[in-house]
Amino acid sequence: MTGDTPDTPSRKLPFRRRRAAEERQGGSGPSGGASAPSAGDPAALPVPGGPQDGRGPSASLGTPADRPASDPYHPGALPSVLPQGGETALPDGAGGQRRPGRLALVRQGVRRGGEGAKAAVAHVADRIIENAPRVPVRDLATLRAQFPGLTPEQLADKLVAGASTATASVGAGIGAAAMLPVPPAMPAELAAEITGVAAIELKLIAELHEVYGLRPEGTLKERAMAYLAAWSEERGIDPNNPLTYKNAALSGGLKRELRQQIMKRMIRNLPNLMPFMIGAAVGAVMNRRDTRALAERVRKDLRTKQVPWNALPGLPPLEQPAHPLEGLQKPRELEG
């Protein structure tokens, strides 16, 4: 500062004056005779997109396709999202594979569950078809000897009461077994209940046909298939028109109807698996009600085609199975 005269101010003073003059003029460029900074001047402004810009390479004026592939902002380096399929497609060379989305996993689980349910229903249907010829059935002469002095309606009421009590016992037993819920055992418990109830109700339907004088013709197996068709469709058989039940037994219609009936029974018997002995009470009540409802529908059909006992021809005794199912030889209505 020494040696400076008023005519020669310091170096900083002209800079301040030029800055103040620019602010007064409202512009940002140099005022008066000030020259613009050259490219080599260290005080030059930073070039947009340059290293001094501070905005990174994204502020470049070039298009995204002009950027190098190594640039993390290059469009080829970003994964493409496909919202339609729920999957994310990785670029080539990324080392990954397509993974199914959440929706695809849910659909796959539902598909597997449906296949498992169909397989379970088919297994139960095969067991019922296998057990149908082994169900012991009492003919009309045996029933009249065991219950003397009863009319056809009274005898039918007696049979329905015994079958309802038996199916209620099966429901109570399955409900008691499910007192402590074990999820892996629940499908087996449902299958066992439906198989047992089906055998009791098949016996009831066959003996109701004997009481109303409408025994279907054919061998033991053919009659069993006819009674099975009546159980799956919840109706009576017309012996005067054998094609109504023989065709159903020979074609795939019987098995289709049987599967539908089993699926309906499975859904209806789900409350029987409630824990803490609640399922036992629910199973007993529901099975008793369902058996009575089935018997009422069958009896309604049989009454329209009933043959009086005095008009029946001499029928031969029914053929009994070689290996009858256990537990059906002594019906509960005979006790006492």
Protein backbone atom coordinates (compact mmCIF):
# COMPACT_ATOMS: atom_id res chain seq x y z
CA MET A 1 0.00 0.00 0.00
CA THR A 2 3.00 2.26 0.44
CA GLY A 3 3.78 4.25 -2.60
CA ASP A 4 0.18 4.22 -3.80
CA THR A 5 -1.14 7.68 -4.62
CA PRO A 6 -4.77 8.69 -4.90
CA ASP A 7 -4.40 8.47 -8.66
CA THR A 8 -3.26 4.87 -8.45
CA PRO A 9 -5.65 2.99 -6.21
CA SER A 10 -5.03 -0.56 -4.99
CA ARG A 11 -5.71 -3.68 -7.09
CA LYS A 12 -8.90 -4.65 -5.27
CA LEU A 13 -10.50 -1.28 -5.54
CA PRO A 14 -11.17 -1.37 -9.32
CA PHE A 15 -12.66 -4.88 -9.03
CA ARG A 16 -15.06 -3.71 -6.37
CA ARG A 17 -16.01 -0.72 -8.41
CA ARG A 18 -16.72 -2.79 -11.50
CA ARG A 19 -18.87 -5.20 -9.47
CA ALA A 20 -20.83 -2.31 -7.96
CA ALA A 21 -21.33 -0.76 -11.38
CA GLU A 22 -22.70 -4.05 -12.78
CA GLU A 23 -25.17 -4.35 -9.95
CA ARG A 24 -26.42 -0.81 -10.52
CA GLN A 25 -26.88 -1.50 -14.23
CA GLY A 26 -28.82 -4.73 -13.49
CA GLY A 27 -26.68 -6.88 -15.78
CA SER A 28 -24.19 -9.61 -15.20
CA GLY A 29 -21.79 -8.82 -18.03
CA PRO A 30 -18.81 -6.52 -17.91
CA SER A 31 -19.51 -2.79 -17.84
CA GLY A 32 -17.94 -0.11 -19.86
CA GLY A 33 -14.77 -1.07 -21.51
CA ALA A 34 -14.23 -4.23 -19.53
CA SER A 35 -13.38 -7.13 -21.77
CA ALA A 36 -14.97 -10.56 -21.47
CA PRO A 37 -12.80 -13.24 -19.91
CA SER A 38 -10.95 -15.34 -22.38
CA ALA A 39 -10.99 -19.12 -22.54
CA GLY A 40 -7.60 -19.29 -20.94
CA ASP A 41 -8.52 -16.96 -18.13
CA PRO A 42 -8.68 -18.87 -14.78
CA ALA A 43 -11.69 -16.78 -13.83
CA ALA A 44 -13.73 -18.05 -16.77
CA LEU A 45 -17.18 -19.44 -16.02
CA PRO A 46 -17.54 -23.26 -15.86
CA VAL A 47 -18.89 -24.94 -18.94
CA PRO A 48 -22.27 -26.69 -18.35
CA GLY A 49 -21.66 -30.41 -17.98
CA GLY A 50 -17.97 -29.86 -17.37
CA PRO A 51 -15.98 -30.99 -14.35
CA GLN A 52 -16.51 -27.67 -12.56
CA ASP A 53 -20.26 -27.65 -13.11
CA GLY A 54 -21.16 -29.75 -10.04
CA ARG A 55 -24.27 -31.24 -11.73
CA GLY A 56 -22.62 -34.47 -12.87
CA PRO A 57 -22.76 -36.12 -16.26
CA SER A 58 -26.58 -36.02 -16.30
CA ALA A 59 -26.40 -32.30 -17.17
CA SER A 60 -24.70 -33.02 -20.47
CA LEU A 61 -26.38 -31.67 -23.57
CA GLY A 62 -25.94 -34.96 -25.37
CA THR A 63 -28.76 -37.50 -25.73
CA PRO A 64 -28.87 -40.63 -23.46
CA ALA A 65 -28.09 -42.86 -26.42
CA ASP A 66 -24.81 -40.95 -27.06
CA ARG A 67 -23.47 -41.86 -23.63
CA PRO A 68 -21.00 -44.74 -23.31
CA ALA A 69 -22.25 -48.13 -22.17
CA SER A 70 -20.08 -47.89 -19.06
CA ASP A 71 -22.01 -44.80 -17.98
CA PRO A 72 -24.37 -45.77 -15.11
CA TYR A 73 -26.97 -43.42 -16.59
CA HIS A 74 -26.93 -45.19 -19.95
CA PRO A 75 -30.44 -46.58 -20.72
CA GLY A 76 -28.98 -50.02 -21.42
CA ALA A 77 -27.68 -50.24 -17.86
CA LEU A 78 -31.17 -49.95 -16.31
CA PRO A 79 -33.46 -53.01 -15.94
CA SER A 80 -36.69 -52.92 -17.88
CA VAL A 81 -39.77 -53.44 -15.74
CA LEU A 82 -42.68 -55.45 -17.17
CA PRO A 83 -45.71 -54.73 -14.97
CA GLN A 84 -47.99 -56.98 -17.02
CA GLY A 85 -46.34 -60.25 -16.03
CA GLY A 86 -45.04 -59.14 -12.65
CA GLU A 87 -41.43 -59.98 -13.66
CA THR A 88 -38.23 -57.93 -13.98
CA ALA A 89 -36.13 -58.59 -17.07
CA LEU A 90 -32.42 -58.11 -16.43
CA PRO A 91 -30.19 -56.87 -19.27
CA ASP A 92 -28.02 -59.23 -21.23
CA GLY A 93 -24.86 -60.22 -19.42
CA ALA A 94 -26.19 -59.22 -16.00
CA GLY A 95 -25.89 -62.82 -14.82
CA GLY A 96 -29.49 -63.12 -13.57
CA GLN A 97 -32.57 -65.06 -14.63
CA ARG A 98 -36.23 -64.12 -14.72
CA ARG A 99 -37.95 -64.78 -11.44
CA PRO A 100 -41.74 -65.12 -11.18
CA GLY A 101 -43.54 -62.26 -9.55
CA ARG A 102 -45.76 -62.39 -6.51
CA LEU A 103 -48.93 -62.82 -8.57
CA ALA A 104 -47.40 -65.73 -10.51
CA LEU A 105 -46.46 -67.47 -7.25
CA VAL A 106 -50.01 -67.07 -5.91
CA ARG A 107 -51.48 -68.54 -9.11
CA GLN A 108 -49.06 -71.44 -8.94
CA GLY A 109 -50.05 -72.16 -5.32
CA VAL A 110 -53.76 -72.04 -6.13
CA ARG A 111 -53.23 -74.38 -9.09
CA ARG A 112 -51.37 -76.90 -6.96
CA GLY A 113 -54.01 -76.72 -4.25
CA GLY A 114 -56.76 -77.37 -6.78
CA GLU A 115 -54.91 -80.36 -8.17
CA GLY A 116 -54.47 -81.77 -4.66
CA ALA A 117 -58.18 -81.34 -3.87
CA LYS A 118 -59.16 -83.08 -7.11
CA ALA A 119 -56.82 -85.98 -6.33
CA ALA A 120 -58.30 -86.32 -2.82
CA VAL A 121 -61.87 -86.32 -4.14
CA ALA A 122 -60.98 -88.91 -6.79
CA HIS A 123 -59.42 -91.14 -4.11
CA VAL A 124 -62.53 -90.94 -1.91
CA ALA A 125 -64.75 -91.68 -4.91
CA ASP A 126 -62.71 -94.78 -5.73
CA ARG A 127 -63.02 -95.98 -2.14
CA ILE A 128 -66.79 -95.52 -2.12
CA ILE A 129 -67.15 -97.34 -5.45
CA GLU A 130 -65.00 -100.17 -4.10
CA ASN A 131 -67.05 -100.43 -0.87
CA ALA A 132 -70.50 -100.24 -2.51
CA PRO A 133 -70.73 -104.00 -3.42
CA ARG A 134 -69.58 -104.89 0.11
CA VAL A 135 -72.49 -103.17 1.86
CA PRO A 136 -74.81 -105.83 3.38
CA VAL A 137 -78.48 -105.23 2.52
CA ARG A 138 -81.48 -106.94 4.15
CA ASP A 139 -84.28 -108.00 1.86
CA LEU A 140 -87.98 -107.38 2.57
CA ALA A 141 -88.57 -110.80 4.13
CA THR A 142 -85.75 -110.28 6.63
CA LEU A 143 -86.95 -106.80 7.53
CA ARG A 144 -90.54 -107.94 8.09
CA ALA A 145 -89.32 -110.78 10.26
CA GLN A 146 -87.20 -108.43 12.37
CA PHE A 147 -89.94 -105.79 12.66
CA PRO A 148 -93.27 -107.66 12.67
CA GLY A 149 -96.56 -105.81 12.54
CA LEU A 150 -95.22 -102.58 10.98
CA THR A 151 -96.58 -100.90 7.89
CA PRO A 152 -94.23 -99.86 5.06
CA GLU A 153 -94.11 -96.25 6.30
CA GLN A 154 -93.49 -97.31 9.89
CA LEU A 155 -90.75 -99.67 8.80
CA ALA A 156 -89.18 -96.93 6.67
CA ASP A 157 -89.27 -94.54 9.64
CA LYS A 158 -87.51 -97.16 11.73
CA LEU A 159 -84.76 -97.57 9.13
CA VAL A 160 -84.27 -93.81 8.80
CA ALA A 161 -84.02 -93.40 12.58
CA GLY A 162 -81.36 -96.11 12.82
CA ALA A 163 -79.31 -94.73 9.92
CA SER A 164 -79.49 -91.18 11.30
CA THR A 165 -78.21 -92.36 14.65
CA ALA A 166 -75.35 -94.24 12.98
CA THR A 167 -74.22 -91.29 10.87
CA ALA A 168 -74.46 -89.00 13.91
CA SER A 169 -72.13 -91.38 15.74
CA VAL A 170 -69.64 -91.21 12.86
CA GLY A 171 -69.72 -87.40 12.90
CA ALA A 172 -69.26 -87.30 16.67
CA GLY A 173 -66.32 -89.70 16.43
CA ILE A 174 -64.55 -87.66 13.77
CA GLY A 175 -65.20 -84.48 15.73
CA ALA A 176 -63.75 -86.04 18.85
CA ALA A 177 -60.66 -87.12 16.92
CA ALA A 178 -60.21 -83.49 15.81
CA MET A 179 -60.38 -82.22 19.41
CA LEU A 180 -56.77 -81.04 19.04
CA PRO A 181 -56.44 -79.76 15.46
CA VAL A 182 -53.66 -81.35 13.44
CA PRO A 183 -53.73 -79.81 9.93
CA PRO A 184 -52.00 -82.71 8.13
CA ALA A 185 -54.60 -85.17 9.48
CA MET A 186 -57.69 -83.11 8.58
CA PRO A 187 -58.03 -84.34 4.96
CA ALA A 188 -57.78 -87.96 6.14
CA GLU A 189 -60.43 -87.34 8.81
CA LEU A 190 -62.80 -85.82 6.27
CA ALA A 191 -62.24 -88.72 3.88
CA ALA A 192 -62.89 -91.27 6.63
CA GLU A 193 -66.10 -89.53 7.67
CA ILE A 194 -67.48 -89.29 4.13
CA THR A 195 -66.62 -92.93 3.39
CA GLY A 196 -68.31 -94.17 6.56
CA VAL A 197 -71.41 -92.03 6.13
CA ALA A 198 -71.72 -93.07 2.48
CA ALA A 199 -71.72 -96.78 3.43
CA ILE A 200 -74.49 -96.25 6.02
CA GLU A 201 -76.62 -94.19 3.65
CA LEU A 202 -76.13 -96.69 0.80
CA LYS A 203 -77.48 -99.40 3.07
CA LEU A 204 -80.44 -97.19 3.99
CA ILE A 205 -81.27 -96.44 0.33
CA ALA A 206 -81.09 -100.11 -0.64
CA GLU A 207 -83.38 -101.20 2.20
CA LEU A 208 -85.84 -98.39 1.47
CA HIS A 209 -86.17 -99.75 -2.06
CA GLU A 210 -86.91 -103.16 -0.55
CA VAL A 211 -89.56 -101.70 1.75
CA TYR A 212 -91.35 -99.92 -1.09
CA GLY A 213 -91.13 -102.99 -3.34
CA LEU A 214 -88.80 -101.42 -5.91
CA ARG A 215 -85.79 -103.69 -6.00
CA PRO A 216 -83.65 -103.00 -9.12
CA GLU A 217 -82.80 -105.97 -11.28
CA GLY A 218 -79.33 -107.25 -11.92
CA THR A 219 -76.42 -108.79 -10.05
CA LEU A 220 -75.01 -107.67 -6.72
CA LYS A 221 -72.57 -105.27 -8.35
CA GLU A 222 -75.19 -103.83 -10.71
CA ARG A 223 -77.57 -103.15 -7.83
CA ALA A 224 -74.74 -101.58 -5.85
CA MET A 225 -73.99 -99.21 -8.73
CA ALA A 226 -77.69 -98.36 -9.00
CA TYR A 227 -77.86 -97.51 -5.29
CA LEU A 228 -74.67 -95.49 -5.66
CA ALA A 229 -76.25 -93.48 -8.48
CA ALA A 230 -79.28 -92.86 -6.25
CA TRP A 231 -76.99 -91.67 -3.43
CA SER A 232 -74.98 -89.30 -5.62
CA GLU A 233 -78.10 -87.82 -7.24
CA GLU A 234 -80.20 -87.98 -4.04
CA ARG A 235 -83.20 -89.61 -5.71
CA GLY A 236 -84.96 -92.94 -5.98
CA ILE A 237 -84.56 -95.56 -8.70
CA ASP A 238 -87.23 -96.51 -11.19
CA PRO A 239 -86.93 -100.31 -11.67
CA ASN A 240 -89.36 -100.15 -14.60
CA ASN A 241 -86.78 -98.15 -16.56
CA PRO A 242 -83.40 -99.82 -15.95
CA LEU A 243 -81.65 -97.63 -18.52
CA THR A 244 -81.94 -94.64 -16.19
CA TYR A 245 -79.41 -96.12 -13.77
CA LYS A 246 -77.55 -98.71 -15.85
CA ASN A 247 -76.35 -96.17 -18.40
CA ALA A 248 -75.21 -93.87 -15.64
CA ALA A 249 -73.24 -96.70 -14.05
CA LEU A 250 -71.56 -97.71 -17.29
CA SER A 251 -70.71 -94.20 -18.49
CA GLY A 252 -68.63 -91.53 -16.81
CA GLY A 253 -71.70 -89.72 -15.53
CA LEU A 254 -71.83 -91.72 -12.30
CA LYS A 255 -68.29 -90.86 -11.31
CA ARG A 256 -68.80 -87.21 -12.17
CA GLU A 257 -71.94 -87.01 -10.03
CA LEU A 258 -70.20 -88.91 -7.28
CA ARG A 259 -67.29 -86.48 -7.21
CA GLN A 260 -69.64 -83.53 -7.03
CA GLN A 261 -71.50 -85.11 -4.13
CA ILE A 262 -68.23 -85.84 -2.31
CA MET A 263 -66.99 -82.29 -2.79
CA LYS A 264 -70.28 -80.94 -1.46
CA ARG A 265 -70.05 -83.23 1.55
CA MET A 266 -66.45 -82.17 2.23
CA ILE A 267 -67.33 -78.50 2.27
CA ARG A 268 -70.39 -79.15 4.41
CA ASN A 269 -68.39 -81.26 6.91
CA LEU A 270 -65.62 -78.72 7.50
CA PRO A 271 -67.23 -77.47 10.78
CA ASN A 272 -66.88 -81.03 12.13
CA LEU A 273 -63.14 -80.37 12.54
CA MET A 274 -63.60 -77.57 15.07
CA PRO A 275 -61.41 -78.16 18.17
CA PHE A 276 -62.31 -78.59 21.86
CA MET A 277 -65.12 -81.11 21.20
CA ILE A 278 -67.22 -78.49 19.40
CA GLY A 279 -66.79 -80.39 16.15
CA ALA A 280 -68.15 -83.57 17.76
CA ALA A 281 -71.47 -81.91 18.58
CA VAL A 282 -71.63 -80.11 15.23
CA GLY A 283 -70.79 -83.30 13.32
CA ALA A 284 -73.46 -85.34 15.10
CA VAL A 285 -76.17 -82.76 14.44
CA MET A 286 -75.23 -82.12 10.81
CA ASN A 287 -74.90 -85.79 9.86
CA ARG A 288 -78.23 -86.63 11.45
CA ARG A 289 -79.91 -83.78 9.59
CA ASP A 290 -78.29 -84.63 6.23
CA THR A 291 -79.22 -88.32 6.46
CA ARG A 292 -82.84 -87.49 7.25
CA ALA A 293 -82.99 -84.99 4.37
CA LEU A 294 -81.54 -87.56 1.94
CA ALA A 295 -83.99 -90.24 3.10
CA GLU A 296 -86.93 -87.87 2.71
CA ARG A 297 -86.00 -87.05 -0.89
CA VAL A 298 -85.55 -90.72 -1.76
CA ARG A 299 -88.82 -91.72 -0.09
CA LYS A 300 -90.66 -88.97 -1.95
CA ASP A 301 -89.58 -90.52 -5.26
CA LEU A 302 -90.31 -94.07 -4.15
CA ARG A 303 -93.84 -93.30 -2.93
CA THR A 304 -94.92 -92.37 -6.46
CA LYS A 305 -93.91 -95.84 -7.75
CA GLN A 306 -94.57 -97.91 -4.63
CA VAL A 307 -95.72 -101.53 -5.05
CA PRO A 308 -97.92 -102.91 -2.20
CA TRP A 309 -96.58 -105.92 -0.34
CA ASN A 310 -99.52 -108.12 -1.28
CA ALA A 311 -98.93 -107.35 -4.96
CA LEU A 312 -95.26 -108.24 -4.94
CA PRO A 313 -94.21 -111.43 -6.73
CA GLY A 314 -92.07 -113.93 -4.93
CA LEU A 315 -88.63 -112.28 -4.86
CA PRO A 316 -85.53 -114.39 -4.29
CA PRO A 317 -83.33 -113.58 -1.29
CA LEU A 318 -80.70 -110.94 -1.86
CA GLU A 319 -77.18 -112.07 -2.60
CA GLN A 320 -74.86 -111.13 0.24
CA PRO A 321 -71.27 -109.96 -0.30
CA ALA A 322 -68.47 -112.39 0.44
CA HIS A 323 -66.57 -109.81 2.52
CA PRO A 324 -69.11 -107.37 3.98
CA LEU A 325 -68.02 -104.13 5.57
CA GLU A 326 -67.50 -104.28 9.30
CA GLY A 327 -69.91 -102.43 11.54
CA LEU A 328 -72.92 -102.75 9.22
CA GLN A 329 -74.00 -106.30 10.04
CA LYS A 330 -75.84 -105.28 13.22
CA PRO A 331 -77.73 -102.03 12.66
CA ARG A 332 -78.44 -99.87 15.67
CA GLU A 333 -82.20 -100.01 15.16
CA LEU A 334 -82.09 -103.71 16.12
CA GLU A 335 -80.65 -103.02 19.57
CA GLY A 336 -83.36 -103.50 22.16
